[in-house]
Each structure stands twice: as C-alpha cells, then as structure tokens.
C-alpha atoms as a PDB file:
ATOM      1  CA  MET A   1      64.367 234.276  46.504  1.00  0.00           C
ATOM      2  CA  PRO A   2      68.056 235.824  47.770  1.00  0.00           C
ATOM      3  CA  LEU A   3      69.769 233.946  50.097  1.00  0.00           C
ATOM      4  CA  ASP A   4      69.572 237.425  52.555  1.00  0.00           C
ATOM      5  CA  GLN A   5      65.968 237.345  52.266  1.00  0.00           C
ATOM      6  CA  ALA A   6      65.636 233.750  53.021  1.00  0.00           C
ATOM      7  CA  LEU A   7      68.046 233.892  56.134  1.00  0.00           C
ATOM      8  CA  SER A   8      66.159 236.813  56.903  1.00  0.00           C
ATOM      9  CA  GLN A   9      62.975 235.632  57.295  1.00  0.00           C
ATOM     10  CA  VAL A  10      63.939 232.370  58.646  1.00  0.00           C
ATOM     11  CA  ARG A  11      65.557 234.150  61.481  1.00  0.00           C
ATOM     12  CA  LEU A  12      61.900 236.417  61.871  1.00  0.00           C
ATOM     13  CA  LEU A  13      59.603 232.916  62.543  1.00  0.00           C
ATOM     14  CA  SER A  14      61.986 231.934  64.416  1.00  0.00           C
ATOM     15  CA  PHE A  15      60.290 233.081  67.590  1.00  0.00           C
ATOM     16  CA  LYS A  16      57.521 236.139  68.484  1.00  0.00           C
ATOM     17  CA  GLN A  17      58.634 238.221  71.068  1.00  0.00           C
ATOM     18  CA  LEU A  18      56.192 239.651  73.277  1.00  0.00           C
ATOM     19  CA  GLY A  19      57.066 242.592  75.365  1.00  0.00           C
ATOM     20  CA  ASP A  20      60.407 242.199  77.419  1.00  0.00           C
ATOM     21  CA  MET A  21      58.571 239.321  79.160  1.00  0.00           C
ATOM     22  CA  ALA A  22      58.932 236.204  76.612  1.00  0.00           C
ATOM     23  CA  LYS A  23      59.905 234.884  73.134  1.00  0.00           C
ATOM     24  CA  LEU A  24      57.681 232.197  72.173  1.00  0.00           C
ATOM     25  CA  ASP A  25      59.205 229.617  69.785  1.00  0.00           C
ATOM     26  CA  THR A  26      56.342 229.653  67.614  1.00  0.00           C
ATOM     27  CA  CYS A  27      58.160 226.919  64.947  1.00  0.00           C
ATOM     28  CA  ARG A  28      59.269 224.739  67.706  1.00  0.00           C
ATOM     29  CA  ALA A  29      56.535 221.608  66.359  1.00  0.00           C
ATOM     30  CA  ASP A  30      57.359 222.467  62.640  1.00  0.00           C
ATOM     31  CA  ARG A  31      61.637 222.123  63.493  1.00  0.00           C
ATOM     32  CA  ILE A  32      61.678 219.352  65.970  1.00  0.00           C
ATOM     33  CA  GLY A  33      57.609 217.743  65.388  1.00  0.00           C
ATOM     34  CA  ILE A  34      57.031 218.750  69.559  1.00  0.00           C
ATOM     35  CA  PRO A  35      55.155 221.647  70.307  1.00  0.00           C
ATOM     36  CA  GLU A  36      56.199 224.135  72.706  1.00  0.00           C
ATOM     37  CA  ALA A  37      54.312 223.622  75.968  1.00  0.00           C
ATOM     38  CA  ILE A  38      54.181 226.399  78.762  1.00  0.00           C
ATOM     39  CA  LEU A  39      55.011 225.877  82.114  1.00  0.00           C
ATOM     40  CA  ALA A  40      52.917 227.640  84.747  1.00  0.00           C
ATOM     41  CA  GLU A  41      54.926 227.372  87.761  1.00  0.00           C
ATOM     42  CA  GLY A  42      56.894 230.267  88.796  1.00  0.00           C
ATOM     43  CA  LYS A  43      54.730 232.431  85.984  1.00  0.00           C
ATOM     44  CA  ARG A  44      52.324 235.326  87.427  1.00  0.00           C
ATOM     45  CA  ALA A  45      48.874 234.608  86.472  1.00  0.00           C
ATOM     46  CA  GLU A  46      48.528 237.725  84.116  1.00  0.00           C
ATOM     47  CA  ASP A  47      51.588 236.526  82.264  1.00  0.00           C
ATOM     48  CA  LEU A  48      50.557 233.420  81.881  1.00  0.00           C
ATOM     49  CA  VAL A  49      47.231 234.486  80.116  1.00  0.00           C
ATOM     50  CA  LYS A  50      49.346 236.399  78.070  1.00  0.00           C
ATOM     51  CA  ILE A  51      52.011 234.384  76.617  1.00  0.00           C
ATOM     52  CA  ALA A  52      49.434 231.328  76.312  1.00  0.00           C
ATOM     53  CA  LEU A  53      46.784 233.953  73.926  1.00  0.00           C
ATOM     54  CA  ALA A  54      49.585 235.065  71.889  1.00  0.00           C
ATOM     55  CA  HIS A  55      50.814 231.394  71.345  1.00  0.00           C
ATOM     56  CA  LEU A  56      47.469 230.799  70.347  1.00  0.00           C
ATOM     57  CA  GLU A  57      47.074 233.663  68.078  1.00  0.00           C
ATOM     58  CA  GLU A  58      50.644 232.171  66.547  1.00  0.00           C
ATOM     59  CA  THR A  59      50.409 229.072  66.394  1.00  0.00           C
ATOM     60  CA  GLY A  60      46.028 227.672  67.099  1.00  0.00           C
ATOM     61  CA  SER A  61      46.688 225.235  69.805  1.00  0.00           C
ATOM     62  CA  VAL A  62      49.210 225.608  73.061  1.00  0.00           C
ATOM     63  CA  ILE A  63      49.758 223.236  75.831  1.00  0.00           C
ATOM     64  CA  ILE A  64      50.045 224.959  79.301  1.00  0.00           C
ATOM     65  CA  THR A  65      51.217 222.428  82.077  1.00  0.00           C
ATOM     66  CA  ARG A  66      51.842 222.294  85.762  1.00  0.00           C
ATOM     67  CA  VAL A  67      48.883 224.789  86.354  1.00  0.00           C
ATOM     68  CA  SER A  68      47.284 226.295  89.550  1.00  0.00           C
ATOM     69  CA  ASP A  69      44.255 226.675  90.534  1.00  0.00           C
ATOM     70  CA  GLU A  70      44.493 230.836  90.782  1.00  0.00           C
ATOM     71  CA  GLN A  71      45.952 230.442  87.167  1.00  0.00           C
ATOM     72  CA  LEU A  72      43.067 228.365  85.835  1.00  0.00           C
ATOM     73  CA  LYS A  73      40.599 230.465  86.996  1.00  0.00           C
ATOM     74  CA  LEU A  74      42.236 233.208  85.001  1.00  0.00           C
ATOM     75  CA  LEU A  75      42.680 231.173  81.672  1.00  0.00           C
ATOM     76  CA  GLU A  76      39.049 229.835  82.168  1.00  0.00           C
ATOM     77  CA  SER A  77      37.845 233.882  82.071  1.00  0.00           C
ATOM     78  CA  ALA A  78      40.153 234.416  78.905  1.00  0.00           C
ATOM     79  CA  SER A  79      38.454 236.100  75.616  1.00  0.00           C
ATOM     80  CA  LEU A  80      39.630 232.907  73.248  1.00  0.00           C
ATOM     81  CA  PRO A  81      38.663 233.142  69.413  1.00  0.00           C
ATOM     82  CA  GLU A  82      35.462 232.318  68.510  1.00  0.00           C
ATOM     83  CA  GLY A  83      35.171 228.366  67.649  1.00  0.00           C
ATOM     84  CA  ALA A  84      38.406 227.959  70.042  1.00  0.00           C
ATOM     85  CA  ARG A  85      38.658 224.645  72.399  1.00  0.00           C
ATOM     86  CA  PHE A  86      39.372 225.443  76.261  1.00  0.00           C
ATOM     87  CA  SER A  87      40.126 221.517  77.853  1.00  0.00           C
ATOM     88  CA  SER A  88      41.656 221.038  81.368  1.00  0.00           C
ATOM     89  CA  ASN A  89      42.748 218.332  83.013  1.00  0.00           C
ATOM     90  CA  SER A  90      42.383 218.747  86.659  1.00  0.00           C
ATOM     91  CA  ARG A  91      44.622 215.592  87.615  1.00  0.00           C
ATOM     92  CA  ALA A  92      46.878 216.462  85.621  1.00  0.00           C
ATOM     93  CA  ARG A  93      47.054 219.708  86.146  1.00  0.00           C
ATOM     94  CA  THR A  94      47.088 220.900  82.394  1.00  0.00           C
ATOM     95  CA  VAL A  95      45.063 223.141  80.148  1.00  0.00           C
ATOM     96  CA  VAL A  96      45.766 222.829  76.368  1.00  0.00           C
ATOM     97  CA  LEU A  97      43.675 225.218  73.951  1.00  0.00           C
ATOM     98  CA  SER A  98      43.319 224.807  70.479  1.00  0.00           C
ATOM     99  CA  THR A  99      41.178 227.357  67.769  1.00  0.00           C
ATOM    100  CA  ARG A 100      38.852 225.754  65.087  1.00  0.00           C
ATOM    101  CA  GLU A 101      41.310 225.471  62.322  1.00  0.00           C
ATOM    102  CA  LYS A 102      43.984 223.418  64.404  1.00  0.00           C
ATOM    103  CA  ILE A 103      40.852 221.011  65.594  1.00  0.00           C
ATOM    104  CA  ALA A 104      39.826 220.347  62.299  1.00  0.00           C
ATOM    105  CA  SER A 105      43.833 220.103  60.868  1.00  0.00           C
ATOM    106  CA  ARG A 106      44.346 217.473  64.018  1.00  0.00           C
ATOM    107  CA  ASP A 107      41.471 215.051  63.112  1.00  0.00           C
ATOM    108  CA  LYS A 108      42.419 215.136  59.546  1.00  0.00           C
ATOM    109  CA  CYS A 109      45.783 214.106  60.944  1.00  0.00           C
ATOM    110  CA  ASN A 110      45.002 211.207  63.303  1.00  0.00           C
ATOM    111  CA  SER A 111      42.837 209.317  60.529  1.00  0.00           C
ATOM    112  CA  ARG A 112      43.841 205.769  60.230  1.00  0.00           C
ATOM    113  CA  VAL A 113      46.754 205.269  57.866  1.00  0.00           C
ATOM    114  CA  GLY A 114      45.213 202.007  55.654  1.00  0.00           C
ATOM    115  CA  SER A 115      43.479 199.654  58.697  1.00  0.00           C
ATOM    116  CA  GLU A 116      46.409 201.543  61.619  1.00  0.00           C
ATOM    117  CA  VAL A 117      46.130 204.303  63.765  1.00  0.00           C
ATOM    118  CA  ARG A 118      49.008 206.622  62.421  1.00  0.00           C
ATOM    119  CA  GLY A 119      50.498 205.954  66.467  1.00  0.00           C
ATOM    120  CA  LYS A 120      49.585 204.482  69.463  1.00  0.00           C
ATOM    121  CA  VAL A 121      50.941 205.198  72.929  1.00  0.00           C
ATOM    122  CA  GLY A 122      50.021 202.783  76.178  1.00  0.00           C
ATOM    123  CA  ILE A 123      50.370 204.543  79.593  1.00  0.00           C
ATOM    124  CA  LEU A 124      50.818 202.406  82.386  1.00  0.00           C
ATOM    125  CA  ALA A 125      50.989 203.227  86.140  1.00  0.00           C
ATOM    126  CA  ALA A 126      52.200 201.599  89.212  1.00  0.00           C
ATOM    127  CA  GLY A 127      50.127 203.229  91.674  1.00  0.00           C
ATOM    128  CA  THR A 128      46.987 205.737  91.810  1.00  0.00           C
ATOM    129  CA  ALA A 129      49.425 208.234  93.225  1.00  0.00           C
ATOM    130  CA  ASP A 130      51.437 207.852  89.813  1.00  0.00           C
ATOM    131  CA  ILE A 131      48.756 209.333  88.150  1.00  0.00           C
ATOM    132  CA  PRO A 132      49.048 212.863  87.733  1.00  0.00           C
ATOM    133  CA  VAL A 133      52.167 211.990  86.447  1.00  0.00           C
ATOM    134  CA  ALA A 134      50.766 209.346  83.724  1.00  0.00           C
ATOM    135  CA  GLU A 135      48.292 211.716  83.013  1.00  0.00           C
ATOM    136  CA  GLU A 136      50.203 215.207  81.946  1.00  0.00           C
ATOM    137  CA  ALA A 137      51.786 212.327  79.483  1.00  0.00           C
ATOM    138  CA  ARG A 138      48.768 211.146  78.104  1.00  0.00           C
ATOM    139  CA  GLU A 139      47.207 214.884  77.596  1.00  0.00           C
ATOM    140  CA  VAL A 140      50.871 215.828  75.296  1.00  0.00           C
ATOM    141  CA  ALA A 141      51.059 212.281  73.329  1.00  0.00           C
ATOM    142  CA  GLN A 142      47.637 213.361  72.553  1.00  0.00           C
ATOM    143  CA  GLU A 143      47.990 216.515  71.574  1.00  0.00           C
ATOM    144  CA  MET A 144      50.588 215.256  69.344  1.00  0.00           C
ATOM    145  CA  GLY A 145      48.055 212.678  67.405  1.00  0.00           C
ATOM    146  CA  CYS A 146      48.444 209.737  69.169  1.00  0.00           C
ATOM    147  CA  GLU A 147      45.625 207.675  70.356  1.00  0.00           C
ATOM    148  CA  VAL A 148      46.657 206.667  73.965  1.00  0.00           C
ATOM    149  CA  LEU A 149      45.378 203.625  76.289  1.00  0.00           C
ATOM    150  CA  THR A 150      46.070 203.509  79.827  1.00  0.00           C
ATOM    151  CA  GLU A 151      45.561 201.457  82.611  1.00  0.00           C
ATOM    152  CA  TYR A 152      46.014 202.660  86.475  1.00  0.00           C
ATOM    153  CA  ASP A 153      47.244 200.912  89.828  1.00  0.00           C
ATOM    154  CA  VAL A 154      49.087 197.779  88.063  1.00  0.00           C
ATOM    155  CA  GLY A 155      52.210 198.347  90.223  1.00  0.00           C
ATOM    156  CA  VAL A 156      53.996 194.641  91.308  1.00  0.00           C
ATOM    157  CA  ALA A 157      53.057 194.546  94.491  1.00  0.00           C
ATOM    158  CA  GLY A 158      49.773 192.497  92.789  1.00  0.00           C
ATOM    159  CA  ILE A 159      51.348 192.525  89.656  1.00  0.00           C
ATOM    160  CA  HIS A 160      48.689 189.714  88.106  1.00  0.00           C
ATOM    161  CA  ARG A 161      46.804 193.323  87.741  1.00  0.00           C
ATOM    162  CA  LEU A 162      49.437 193.988  85.000  1.00  0.00           C
ATOM    163  CA  PHE A 163      49.592 191.036  82.402  1.00  0.00           C
ATOM    164  CA  PRO A 164      45.842 191.602  80.830  1.00  0.00           C
ATOM    165  CA  CYS A 165      46.734 195.364  80.373  1.00  0.00           C
ATOM    166  CA  LEU A 166      49.815 194.574  78.133  1.00  0.00           C
ATOM    167  CA  GLU A 167      47.461 192.458  76.197  1.00  0.00           C
ATOM    168  CA  ARG A 168      45.753 195.144  75.741  1.00  0.00           C
ATOM    169  CA  MET A 169      48.606 197.112  74.650  1.00  0.00           C
ATOM    170  CA  ALA A 170      50.253 194.491  72.235  1.00  0.00           C
ATOM    171  CA  ASP A 171      50.025 196.694  69.162  1.00  0.00           C
ATOM    172  CA  ALA A 172      51.571 200.309  70.809  1.00  0.00           C
ATOM    173  CA  GLY A 173      54.075 201.456  69.293  1.00  0.00           C
ATOM    174  CA  CYS A 174      55.782 202.958  72.687  1.00  0.00           C
ATOM    175  CA  LEU A 175      54.967 202.225  76.381  1.00  0.00           C
ATOM    176  CA  ILE A 176      55.494 204.904  79.339  1.00  0.00           C
ATOM    177  CA  VAL A 177      55.574 203.266  82.315  1.00  0.00           C
ATOM    178  CA  ALA A 178      55.256 205.438  85.685  1.00  0.00           C
ATOM    179  CA  ALA A 179      56.402 204.623  89.007  1.00  0.00           C
ATOM    180  CA  GLY A 180      57.024 205.854  92.507  1.00  0.00           C
ATOM    181  CA  ARG A 181      58.323 204.389  95.362  1.00  0.00           C
ATOM    182  CA  GLU A 182      61.373 201.530  94.108  1.00  0.00           C
ATOM    183  CA  GLY A 183      60.202 202.463  91.091  1.00  0.00           C
ATOM    184  CA  THR A 184      60.303 198.451  89.573  1.00  0.00           C
ATOM    185  CA  LEU A 185      57.083 198.297  87.163  1.00  0.00           C
ATOM    186  CA  PRO A 186      59.141 199.832  84.245  1.00  0.00           C
ATOM    187  CA  ALA A 187      61.570 197.477  84.354  1.00  0.00           C
ATOM    188  CA  VAL A 188      59.535 194.536  84.562  1.00  0.00           C
ATOM    189  CA  VAL A 189      56.988 195.813  81.475  1.00  0.00           C
ATOM    190  CA  ALA A 190      60.793 196.160  79.620  1.00  0.00           C
ATOM    191  CA  GLY A 191      61.562 192.669  79.880  1.00  0.00           C
ATOM    192  CA  LEU A 192      58.092 191.482  78.910  1.00  0.00           C
ATOM    193  CA  VAL A 193      57.373 193.461  76.267  1.00  0.00           C
ATOM    194  CA  ASP A 194      59.102 194.266  72.303  1.00  0.00           C
ATOM    195  CA  ALA A 195      58.203 197.975  72.003  1.00  0.00           C
ATOM    196  CA  PRO A 196      60.322 200.483  73.474  1.00  0.00           C
ATOM    197  CA  VAL A 197      59.910 201.269  76.904  1.00  0.00           C
ATOM    198  CA  VAL A 198      60.000 204.840  78.892  1.00  0.00           C
ATOM    199  CA  GLY A 199      60.336 205.149  82.724  1.00  0.00           C
ATOM    200  CA  LEU A 200      58.862 207.780  84.253  1.00  0.00           C
ATOM    201  CA  PRO A 201      59.746 208.360  88.040  1.00  0.00           C
ATOM    202  CA  VAL A 202      57.048 209.518  90.059  1.00  0.00           C
ATOM    203  CA  SER A 203      58.081 211.867  93.059  1.00  0.00           C
ATOM    204  CA  THR A 204      56.099 209.468  95.668  1.00  0.00           C
ATOM    205  CA  GLY A 205      57.534 207.383  98.440  1.00  0.00           C
ATOM    206  CA  TYR A 206      58.937 208.915 101.850  1.00  0.00           C
ATOM    207  CA  GLY A 207      62.127 208.391 103.891  1.00  0.00           C
ATOM    208  CA  PHE A 208      65.397 207.428 102.318  1.00  0.00           C
ATOM    209  CA  GLY A 209      65.194 207.391  98.766  1.00  0.00           C
ATOM    210  CA  GLY A 210      61.938 209.268  99.020  1.00  0.00           C
ATOM    211  CA  ASP A 211      60.384 212.059  96.764  1.00  0.00           C
ATOM    212  CA  GLY A 212      61.581 209.593  92.611  1.00  0.00           C
ATOM    213  CA  LEU A 213      65.087 209.175  93.927  1.00  0.00           C
ATOM    214  CA  ALA A 214      64.830 205.463  94.060  1.00  0.00           C
ATOM    215  CA  ALA A 215      62.491 205.088  91.786  1.00  0.00           C
ATOM    216  CA  LEU A 216      64.990 207.202  89.496  1.00  0.00           C
ATOM    217  CA  MET A 217      67.779 205.440  90.326  1.00  0.00           C
ATOM    218  CA  SER A 218      66.032 201.578  90.424  1.00  0.00           C
ATOM    219  CA  MET A 219      65.112 202.326  87.040  1.00  0.00           C
ATOM    220  CA  LEU A 220      68.757 203.665  85.911  1.00  0.00           C
ATOM    221  CA  GLN A 221      69.936 200.562  87.397  1.00  0.00           C
ATOM    222  CA  SER A 222      67.576 198.359  85.217  1.00  0.00           C
ATOM    223  CA  CYS A 223      68.845 195.357  83.778  1.00  0.00           C
ATOM    224  CA  SER A 224      65.966 195.146  81.016  1.00  0.00           C
ATOM    225  CA  VAL A 225      66.267 197.943  77.858  1.00  0.00           C
ATOM    226  CA  LEU A 226      64.219 201.364  78.400  1.00  0.00           C
ATOM    227  CA  THR A 227      64.954 205.037  78.277  1.00  0.00           C
ATOM    228  CA  VAL A 228      64.535 207.043  81.955  1.00  0.00           C
ATOM    229  CA  VAL A 229      63.396 210.320  81.821  1.00  0.00           C
ATOM    230  CA  ASN A 230      63.121 212.804  84.926  1.00  0.00           C
ATOM    231  CA  ILE A 231      61.292 212.690  88.190  1.00  0.00           C
ATOM    232  CA  ASP A 232      57.869 213.312  87.052  1.00  0.00           C
ATOM    233  CA  ALA A 233      58.825 214.396  83.875  1.00  0.00           C
ATOM    234  CA  GLY A 234      55.557 213.640  82.385  1.00  0.00           C
ATOM    235  CA  PHE A 235      55.356 216.321  79.678  1.00  0.00           C
ATOM    236  CA  VAL A 236      58.567 214.748  78.329  1.00  0.00           C
ATOM    237  CA  ALA A 237      57.626 211.324  78.604  1.00  0.00           C
ATOM    238  CA  GLY A 238      54.769 211.986  76.603  1.00  0.00           C
ATOM    239  CA  ALA A 239      56.406 213.555  73.755  1.00  0.00           C
ATOM    240  CA  TYR A 240      59.115 211.599  73.418  1.00  0.00           C
ATOM    241  CA  ALA A 241      56.891 208.262  73.476  1.00  0.00           C
ATOM    242  CA  ALA A 242      54.818 209.889  70.912  1.00  0.00           C
ATOM    243  CA  LYS A 243      57.840 210.814  68.313  1.00  0.00           C
ATOM    244  CA  ILE A 244      58.455 206.821  68.747  1.00  0.00           C
ATOM    245  CA  ALA A 245      54.818 205.615  67.841  1.00  0.00           C
ATOM    246  CA  LEU A 246      54.088 208.257  65.383  1.00  0.00           C
ATOM    247  CA  ARG A 247      57.814 207.807  63.594  1.00  0.00           C
ATOM    248  CA  ARG A 248      56.216 205.449  61.170  1.00  0.00           C
ATOM    249  CA  PHE A 249      54.581 207.074  59.544  1.00  0.00           C
ATOM    250  CA  ILE A 250      57.070 209.929  58.606  1.00  0.00           C
ATOM    251  CA  ASP A 251      58.147 210.021  55.253  1.00  0.00           C
END
C-alpha cells in the first residue's frame, strides 16, 4: 500500500478514543509485549466499567488493578460478551476480563515448547503482609502467558524456610521477591540463584523507614545483583519478570 495510507492506518490503530474521558492503548501488547492495565484507583466506578468494556471489545482481554469493593460490585454486574470470563483476586485487588477467543488463543500460546513450559516465574514473599503485592505480580505474569510458582512467608527471620522453596523454583526463568520492613530477602535470594531476581519493596513496616522506604533503600543498596521496582509495584514486577522468562522463546 502507499506510505501515506500505511501511516494513516498505523495512527488509527494506535489508540481508541473513548469520548473525552480516555484514550485506550489497544496495541500495547503487540508493540511491547506487555498488555495495558487499567489502574482502578482514582476512577469513578461507572467510568471504570466503560473503559474496561471498551478495552475488552478491542483487545479481547483486560487487566484491572487496585480495584475497590464498590468498583468490583459494578464490574461484576456489567454485561460481558457471551463466553467471556470474569476473574477476580481479592488479595491482589485485581480483575481480569477475557473473551472466549482470547482464552482459546492464550491456551494455545501457553502450551509447552518441546518438554519446556514457554515461561516460568517464581514469586517469593517475605511475610504474609507482603502477599497482596506478590499476588498482583502473579496475576500479571500469568496473564502474559507464564507458569507461576509461589512461596510465601519465607523471610529472613526464619531463613531455613527459604531453601526448599528455591529448590522448587530451580528452573524458573526469573524470580520476584517481595519484602517489606528492612527488605533483606531479595538480596539474599539474588546471592543464591543464577536466575534474574526482581526486588519488589512492599509498604509494610512502621516508624523510621516505614511504608516501604527502608525496603526500597535496602534493595537499591544490595551488593547482590538484582533489579528493583518501585514500592508496591506488583504490576511492573510481574510484567518485567514475564518478559524475561518468555524472552528465550521469542524468535
């Protein structure tokens, strides 16, 4: 086709205008391999439903994060396409919507390559208070097509709990380690495994350095080699780990 026509189509496909409220980045997964997520925090429940349904229509699936109870009730009552799946995770405060066609396509992509799963991500949480953020990361990595292994409450206060978990995750392509308070666990794990480690600081803890600040600073100062995302950034950690785990299978 002529160059002008091609450029016009690229611009048209770049986003979907939803009134004067939102511009949906419907081609993000095709462009960078990470699906667009809708951050529910700060949005009116009615607006969130409109955005979610429009995104579902355009792409066949949508991830919604930081969903409140009010927003969840309205999403549950929304009219979805026939055969669409509604999946919510109360711990992670996430909702995933998928059409029947997208589910079938994802199942096909998630098949094994030879004897190997296309991508495997391991997620560790230091304490039970860190589980909600770890669960957000799990939902995202799974939605991107990875098998996810989780082990929770394995912090350094009882470090003997960690070693059997690392053995179970020995073949993971990437590990996410969520920790609050002093945030020690990611550096310990990064010093024990050869897989890339993503440190996920969590806003637990109190007093000086509370709300995840001490955990973030500790991970940034680690003498072990690891990547660190922002405080409570479960979506970013899950997406980044999935990209690493899936990379070996991308031509």
